Amino acid sequence: MSGGFSDHAVADATNVLVVASALDDADEHLCRDVLLADGSAPDRVLGVTIATSPEAKLSTWQNHLGTDPTYDFVSVDGAARSAASPAADVPGPDGPTVDRVDGVTPLDVLGTTVADHVEAGTAVCFDSITDLLGYVDEQTAFRFLHVLTSRVRTGGATAHFHIDGGAHDAETIALLSRLFDVVVEAGDDHSERE
């Protein structure tokens, strides 16, 4: 494992915070390591993308995990769609389903759309909290993430949430870290949260 963290602690965690710069390969490698923490690829991966395209994320995941997992996405895009009624793009029987939400706000639409996809055995990858904080303040993001991590827990899924550690002060990272079972930082060992 290249992330430098305990496979066991991450594999046993429900919600993981991945702290790494989005500008280098560490973020991508940690994402892969967290998805493979229990020794095998999950059966289903749900990507929640705010600024990254589903196509780019899919390509990266398929390079690391292969084509066996089912891949689906909730993607925030700038298309002129009503935020109240997200559209689903279904490219075919072998391709991922992409539910597109027009804008991060209102957050309840994004949250409901993600929650509709959370089910037992799903590995959720939220990319990223940094992008979310470009649209809402820290306290609003905290409340949203608190609800979403609770939904992941009660739904029997697992999730990891990316944040660019270099883009935020230590207080912001410390506040958000309280929501997660384990914090994985590039170059460091994991930190378990009680």
C-alpha atoms as a PDB file:
ATOM      1  CA  MET A   1       0.000   0.000   0.000  1.00  0.00           C
ATOM      2  CA  SER A   2       1.543   3.291  -1.052  1.00  0.00           C
ATOM      3  CA  GLY A   3      -0.483   5.661   1.107  1.00  0.00           C
ATOM      4  CA  GLY A   4       1.451   4.998   4.306  1.00  0.00           C
ATOM      5  CA  PHE A   5      -1.636   4.258   6.364  1.00  0.00           C
ATOM      6  CA  SER A   6      -3.057   1.214   8.077  1.00  0.00           C
ATOM      7  CA  ASP A   7      -5.099  -0.871   5.644  1.00  0.00           C
ATOM      8  CA  HIS A   8      -7.044  -2.331   8.555  1.00  0.00           C
ATOM      9  CA  ALA A   9      -8.076   1.024  10.061  1.00  0.00           C
ATOM     10  CA  VAL A  10      -9.198   2.386   6.692  1.00  0.00           C
ATOM     11  CA  ALA A  11     -10.935  -0.850   5.689  1.00  0.00           C
ATOM     12  CA  ASP A  12     -12.907  -0.754   8.956  1.00  0.00           C
ATOM     13  CA  ALA A  13     -13.848   2.928   8.616  1.00  0.00           C
ATOM     14  CA  THR A  14     -17.169   4.097   7.244  1.00  0.00           C
ATOM     15  CA  ASN A  15     -16.178   7.690   6.404  1.00  0.00           C
ATOM     16  CA  VAL A  16     -12.602   8.669   5.537  1.00  0.00           C
ATOM     17  CA  LEU A  17     -11.169  12.141   4.932  1.00  0.00           C
ATOM     18  CA  VAL A  18      -8.398  12.158   2.300  1.00  0.00           C
ATOM     19  CA  VAL A  19      -6.133  15.198   2.689  1.00  0.00           C
ATOM     20  CA  ALA A  20      -3.814  15.734  -0.283  1.00  0.00           C
ATOM     21  CA  SER A  21      -3.037  18.313  -2.900  1.00  0.00           C
ATOM     22  CA  ALA A  22      -5.211  17.969  -5.965  1.00  0.00           C
ATOM     23  CA  LEU A  23      -2.249  19.224  -7.995  1.00  0.00           C
ATOM     24  CA  ASP A  24      -0.094  16.109  -7.614  1.00  0.00           C
ATOM     25  CA  ASP A  25      -0.460  12.358  -7.903  1.00  0.00           C
ATOM     26  CA  ALA A  26      -0.780  11.812  -4.141  1.00  0.00           C
ATOM     27  CA  ASP A  27      -4.519  12.519  -4.207  1.00  0.00           C
ATOM     28  CA  GLU A  28      -5.122   9.975  -6.975  1.00  0.00           C
ATOM     29  CA  HIS A  29      -2.965   7.354  -5.258  1.00  0.00           C
ATOM     30  CA  LEU A  30      -4.673   7.840  -1.895  1.00  0.00           C
ATOM     31  CA  CYS A  31      -8.072   7.536  -3.605  1.00  0.00           C
ATOM     32  CA  ARG A  32      -7.006   4.204  -5.085  1.00  0.00           C
ATOM     33  CA  ASP A  33      -5.502   3.009  -1.805  1.00  0.00           C
ATOM     34  CA  VAL A  34      -8.662   3.832   0.147  1.00  0.00           C
ATOM     35  CA  LEU A  35     -10.852   2.077  -2.437  1.00  0.00           C
ATOM     36  CA  LEU A  36      -8.607  -1.001  -2.192  1.00  0.00           C
ATOM     37  CA  ALA A  37      -8.059  -0.857   1.597  1.00  0.00           C
ATOM     38  CA  ASP A  38      -9.789  -4.175   2.259  1.00  0.00           C
ATOM     39  CA  GLY A  39      -7.686  -5.923  -0.383  1.00  0.00           C
ATOM     40  CA  SER A  40     -10.109  -5.922  -3.310  1.00  0.00           C
ATOM     41  CA  ALA A  41     -12.043  -3.478  -5.445  1.00  0.00           C
ATOM     42  CA  PRO A  42     -15.576  -2.654  -4.310  1.00  0.00           C
ATOM     43  CA  ASP A  43     -18.514  -4.010  -6.308  1.00  0.00           C
ATOM     44  CA  ARG A  44     -19.947  -0.527  -6.841  1.00  0.00           C
ATOM     45  CA  VAL A  45     -18.316   2.908  -6.830  1.00  0.00           C
ATOM     46  CA  LEU A  46     -20.342   6.129  -6.726  1.00  0.00           C
ATOM     47  CA  GLY A  47     -18.414   9.229  -7.692  1.00  0.00           C
ATOM     48  CA  VAL A  48     -19.674  12.621  -6.573  1.00  0.00           C
ATOM     49  CA  THR A  49     -17.877  15.204  -8.693  1.00  0.00           C
ATOM     50  CA  ILE A  50     -18.129  18.962  -8.392  1.00  0.00           C
ATOM     51  CA  ALA A  51     -15.313  20.295 -10.592  1.00  0.00           C
ATOM     52  CA  THR A  52     -13.900  17.057 -12.029  1.00  0.00           C
ATOM     53  CA  SER A  53     -15.643  15.438 -14.969  1.00  0.00           C
ATOM     54  CA  PRO A  54     -17.092  11.952 -14.466  1.00  0.00           C
ATOM     55  CA  GLU A  55     -15.216  10.847 -17.590  1.00  0.00           C
ATOM     56  CA  ALA A  56     -11.828  11.819 -16.110  1.00  0.00           C
ATOM     57  CA  LYS A  57     -12.603  10.117 -12.798  1.00  0.00           C
ATOM     58  CA  LEU A  58     -13.891   6.988 -14.568  1.00  0.00           C
ATOM     59  CA  SER A  59     -10.725   6.713 -16.634  1.00  0.00           C
ATOM     60  CA  THR A  60      -8.551   6.978 -13.513  1.00  0.00           C
ATOM     61  CA  TRP A  61     -10.591   4.410 -11.592  1.00  0.00           C
ATOM     62  CA  GLN A  62     -10.637   1.929 -14.468  1.00  0.00           C
ATOM     63  CA  ASN A  63      -6.847   2.215 -14.695  1.00  0.00           C
ATOM     64  CA  HIS A  64      -6.549   1.286 -11.010  1.00  0.00           C
ATOM     65  CA  LEU A  65      -9.598  -0.904 -10.337  1.00  0.00           C
ATOM     66  CA  GLY A  66     -10.408  -2.393 -13.727  1.00  0.00           C
ATOM     67  CA  THR A  67     -13.831  -2.566 -15.320  1.00  0.00           C
ATOM     68  CA  ASP A  68     -15.472  -5.022 -12.901  1.00  0.00           C
ATOM     69  CA  PRO A  69     -16.931  -2.530 -10.413  1.00  0.00           C
ATOM     70  CA  THR A  70     -20.157  -0.820 -11.390  1.00  0.00           C
ATOM     71  CA  TYR A  71     -19.440   2.898 -11.681  1.00  0.00           C
ATOM     72  CA  ASP A  72     -22.075   5.592 -11.236  1.00  0.00           C
ATOM     73  CA  PHE A  73     -21.843   9.348 -10.752  1.00  0.00           C
ATOM     74  CA  VAL A  74     -23.607  12.337  -9.317  1.00  0.00           C
ATOM     75  CA  SER A  75     -22.042  15.275 -11.105  1.00  0.00           C
ATOM     76  CA  VAL A  76     -22.473  18.986 -10.662  1.00  0.00           C
ATOM     77  CA  ASP A  77     -22.400  20.557 -14.078  1.00  0.00           C
ATOM     78  CA  GLY A  78     -23.094  23.949 -15.572  1.00  0.00           C
ATOM     79  CA  ALA A  79     -25.719  22.855 -18.080  1.00  0.00           C
ATOM     80  CA  ALA A  80     -28.916  24.872 -18.064  1.00  0.00           C
ATOM     81  CA  ARG A  81     -30.957  22.298 -16.159  1.00  0.00           C
ATOM     82  CA  SER A  82     -33.362  22.886 -13.344  1.00  0.00           C
ATOM     83  CA  ALA A  83     -31.655  22.164 -10.030  1.00  0.00           C
ATOM     84  CA  ALA A  84     -34.972  20.832  -8.791  1.00  0.00           C
ATOM     85  CA  SER A  85     -34.998  18.019 -11.329  1.00  0.00           C
ATOM     86  CA  PRO A  86     -31.594  16.486 -11.986  1.00  0.00           C
ATOM     87  CA  ALA A  87     -31.231  14.670 -15.274  1.00  0.00           C
ATOM     88  CA  ALA A  88     -29.779  11.210 -15.659  1.00  0.00           C
ATOM     89  CA  ASP A  89     -27.513  10.335 -18.559  1.00  0.00           C
ATOM     90  CA  VAL A  90     -27.405   6.614 -19.204  1.00  0.00           C
ATOM     91  CA  PRO A  91     -24.775   5.948 -21.885  1.00  0.00           C
ATOM     92  CA  GLY A  92     -25.606   2.271 -22.280  1.00  0.00           C
ATOM     93  CA  PRO A  93     -25.767  -1.046 -20.455  1.00  0.00           C
ATOM     94  CA  ASP A  94     -22.009  -1.131 -19.818  1.00  0.00           C
ATOM     95  CA  GLY A  95     -21.478   2.545 -19.026  1.00  0.00           C
ATOM     96  CA  PRO A  96     -22.023   4.427 -15.817  1.00  0.00           C
ATOM     97  CA  THR A  97     -25.194   6.269 -14.944  1.00  0.00           C
ATOM     98  CA  VAL A  98     -24.512   9.975 -14.495  1.00  0.00           C
ATOM     99  CA  ASP A  99     -27.064  12.015 -12.553  1.00  0.00           C
ATOM    100  CA  ARG A 100     -26.302  15.646 -13.274  1.00  0.00           C
ATOM    101  CA  VAL A 101     -27.208  18.396 -10.848  1.00  0.00           C
ATOM    102  CA  ASP A 102     -27.087  21.974 -12.112  1.00  0.00           C
ATOM    103  CA  GLY A 103     -25.119  23.694  -9.391  1.00  0.00           C
ATOM    104  CA  VAL A 104     -24.076  22.898  -5.837  1.00  0.00           C
ATOM    105  CA  THR A 105     -26.823  25.030  -4.339  1.00  0.00           C
ATOM    106  CA  PRO A 106     -29.357  24.384  -3.124  1.00  0.00           C
ATOM    107  CA  LEU A 107     -27.420  21.772  -1.173  1.00  0.00           C
ATOM    108  CA  ASP A 108     -30.506  19.720  -0.374  1.00  0.00           C
ATOM    109  CA  VAL A 109     -30.876  18.810  -4.070  1.00  0.00           C
ATOM    110  CA  LEU A 110     -27.276  17.623  -4.258  1.00  0.00           C
ATOM    111  CA  GLY A 111     -27.613  15.788  -0.929  1.00  0.00           C
ATOM    112  CA  THR A 112     -30.861  14.067  -1.891  1.00  0.00           C
ATOM    113  CA  THR A 113     -29.453  13.029  -5.260  1.00  0.00           C
ATOM    114  CA  VAL A 114     -26.381  11.492  -3.606  1.00  0.00           C
ATOM    115  CA  ALA A 115     -28.466   9.860  -0.850  1.00  0.00           C
ATOM    116  CA  ASP A 116     -30.686   8.222  -3.481  1.00  0.00           C
ATOM    117  CA  HIS A 117     -27.603   6.314  -4.696  1.00  0.00           C
ATOM    118  CA  VAL A 118     -26.256   5.266  -1.297  1.00  0.00           C
ATOM    119  CA  GLU A 119     -26.877   1.600  -0.595  1.00  0.00           C
ATOM    120  CA  ALA A 120     -25.133  -1.230   1.199  1.00  0.00           C
ATOM    121  CA  GLY A 121     -21.828  -2.167  -0.385  1.00  0.00           C
ATOM    122  CA  THR A 122     -21.373   1.104  -2.271  1.00  0.00           C
ATOM    123  CA  ALA A 123     -18.048   2.936  -2.029  1.00  0.00           C
ATOM    124  CA  VAL A 124     -18.664   6.681  -2.392  1.00  0.00           C
ATOM    125  CA  CYS A 125     -15.875   9.016  -3.552  1.00  0.00           C
ATOM    126  CA  PHE A 126     -16.708  12.705  -2.912  1.00  0.00           C
ATOM    127  CA  ASP A 127     -14.473  14.938  -5.051  1.00  0.00           C
ATOM    128  CA  SER A 128     -14.142  17.358  -3.371  1.00  0.00           C
ATOM    129  CA  ILE A 129     -14.797  19.283  -0.180  1.00  0.00           C
ATOM    130  CA  THR A 130     -12.447  21.981  -1.478  1.00  0.00           C
ATOM    131  CA  ASP A 131     -14.702  22.437  -4.508  1.00  0.00           C
ATOM    132  CA  LEU A 132     -17.778  22.479  -2.251  1.00  0.00           C
ATOM    133  CA  LEU A 133     -16.205  25.241  -0.144  1.00  0.00           C
ATOM    134  CA  GLY A 134     -15.939  27.331  -3.300  1.00  0.00           C
ATOM    135  CA  TYR A 135     -19.754  27.610  -3.217  1.00  0.00           C
ATOM    136  CA  VAL A 136     -20.761  27.542   0.453  1.00  0.00           C
ATOM    137  CA  ASP A 137     -19.286  28.698   3.748  1.00  0.00           C
ATOM    138  CA  GLU A 138     -17.532  26.391   6.181  1.00  0.00           C
ATOM    139  CA  GLN A 139     -20.468  25.969   8.595  1.00  0.00           C
ATOM    140  CA  THR A 140     -22.915  25.176   5.766  1.00  0.00           C
ATOM    141  CA  ALA A 141     -20.454  22.617   4.368  1.00  0.00           C
ATOM    142  CA  PHE A 142     -20.024  21.102   7.840  1.00  0.00           C
ATOM    143  CA  ARG A 143     -23.790  20.634   8.275  1.00  0.00           C
ATOM    144  CA  PHE A 144     -24.144  19.177   4.755  1.00  0.00           C
ATOM    145  CA  LEU A 145     -21.256  16.746   5.291  1.00  0.00           C
ATOM    146  CA  HIS A 146     -22.595  15.758   8.719  1.00  0.00           C
ATOM    147  CA  VAL A 147     -25.904  14.714   7.122  1.00  0.00           C
ATOM    148  CA  LEU A 148     -24.180  12.981   4.202  1.00  0.00           C
ATOM    149  CA  THR A 149     -21.733  11.008   6.365  1.00  0.00           C
ATOM    150  CA  SER A 150     -24.661   9.941   8.564  1.00  0.00           C
ATOM    151  CA  ARG A 151     -26.554   8.771   5.474  1.00  0.00           C
ATOM    152  CA  VAL A 152     -23.522   6.767   4.322  1.00  0.00           C
ATOM    153  CA  ARG A 153     -23.305   5.140   7.764  1.00  0.00           C
ATOM    154  CA  THR A 154     -27.003   4.242   8.009  1.00  0.00           C
ATOM    155  CA  GLY A 155     -27.070   3.084   4.377  1.00  0.00           C
ATOM    156  CA  GLY A 156     -24.373   0.467   4.921  1.00  0.00           C
ATOM    157  CA  ALA A 157     -21.993   2.145   2.464  1.00  0.00           C
ATOM    158  CA  THR A 158     -18.476   3.505   2.864  1.00  0.00           C
ATOM    159  CA  ALA A 159     -17.190   6.850   1.663  1.00  0.00           C
ATOM    160  CA  HIS A 160     -14.085   8.905   1.318  1.00  0.00           C
ATOM    161  CA  PHE A 161     -14.051  12.650   0.878  1.00  0.00           C
ATOM    162  CA  HIS A 162     -11.186  14.528  -0.756  1.00  0.00           C
ATOM    163  CA  ILE A 163      -9.907  17.894   0.484  1.00  0.00           C
ATOM    164  CA  ASP A 164      -6.862  19.859  -0.688  1.00  0.00           C
ATOM    165  CA  GLY A 165      -4.890  20.396   2.518  1.00  0.00           C
ATOM    166  CA  GLY A 166      -2.895  23.242   0.986  1.00  0.00           C
ATOM    167  CA  ALA A 167      -6.029  25.215   0.128  1.00  0.00           C
ATOM    168  CA  HIS A 168      -7.363  25.462   3.695  1.00  0.00           C
ATOM    169  CA  ASP A 169      -6.065  26.555   7.082  1.00  0.00           C
ATOM    170  CA  ALA A 170      -5.435  24.097   9.901  1.00  0.00           C
ATOM    171  CA  GLU A 171      -8.608  25.163  11.737  1.00  0.00           C
ATOM    172  CA  THR A 172     -10.814  24.275   8.753  1.00  0.00           C
ATOM    173  CA  ILE A 173      -9.165  20.868   8.360  1.00  0.00           C
ATOM    174  CA  ALA A 174      -9.487  20.233  12.127  1.00  0.00           C
ATOM    175  CA  LEU A 175     -13.173  21.199  12.147  1.00  0.00           C
ATOM    176  CA  LEU A 176     -14.055  18.995   9.185  1.00  0.00           C
ATOM    177  CA  SER A 177     -11.920  16.108  10.473  1.00  0.00           C
ATOM    178  CA  ARG A 178     -14.354  15.697  13.374  1.00  0.00           C
ATOM    179  CA  LEU A 179     -16.900  14.244  10.919  1.00  0.00           C
ATOM    180  CA  PHE A 180     -14.727  11.308   9.843  1.00  0.00           C
ATOM    181  CA  ASP A 181     -13.642   7.984  11.330  1.00  0.00           C
ATOM    182  CA  VAL A 182     -10.154   8.177   9.825  1.00  0.00           C
ATOM    183  CA  VAL A 183      -8.105  10.991   8.302  1.00  0.00           C
ATOM    184  CA  VAL A 184      -5.531   9.981   5.673  1.00  0.00           C
ATOM    185  CA  GLU A 185      -2.939  12.580   4.709  1.00  0.00           C
ATOM    186  CA  ALA A 186      -0.424  12.389   1.890  1.00  0.00           C
ATOM    187  CA  GLY A 187       2.923  11.315   3.327  1.00  0.00           C
ATOM    188  CA  ASP A 188       1.599  10.704   6.841  1.00  0.00           C
ATOM    189  CA  ASP A 189       0.151   7.798   8.777  1.00  0.00           C
ATOM    190  CA  HIS A 190      -3.609   7.829   9.270  1.00  0.00           C
ATOM    191  CA  SER A 191      -5.318   9.471  12.220  1.00  0.00           C
ATOM    192  CA  GLU A 192      -8.230   7.614  13.768  1.00  0.00           C
ATOM    193  CA  ARG A 193     -11.180   9.591  15.095  1.00  0.00           C
ATOM    194  CA  GLU A 194     -13.319   8.341  17.963  1.00  0.00           C
END
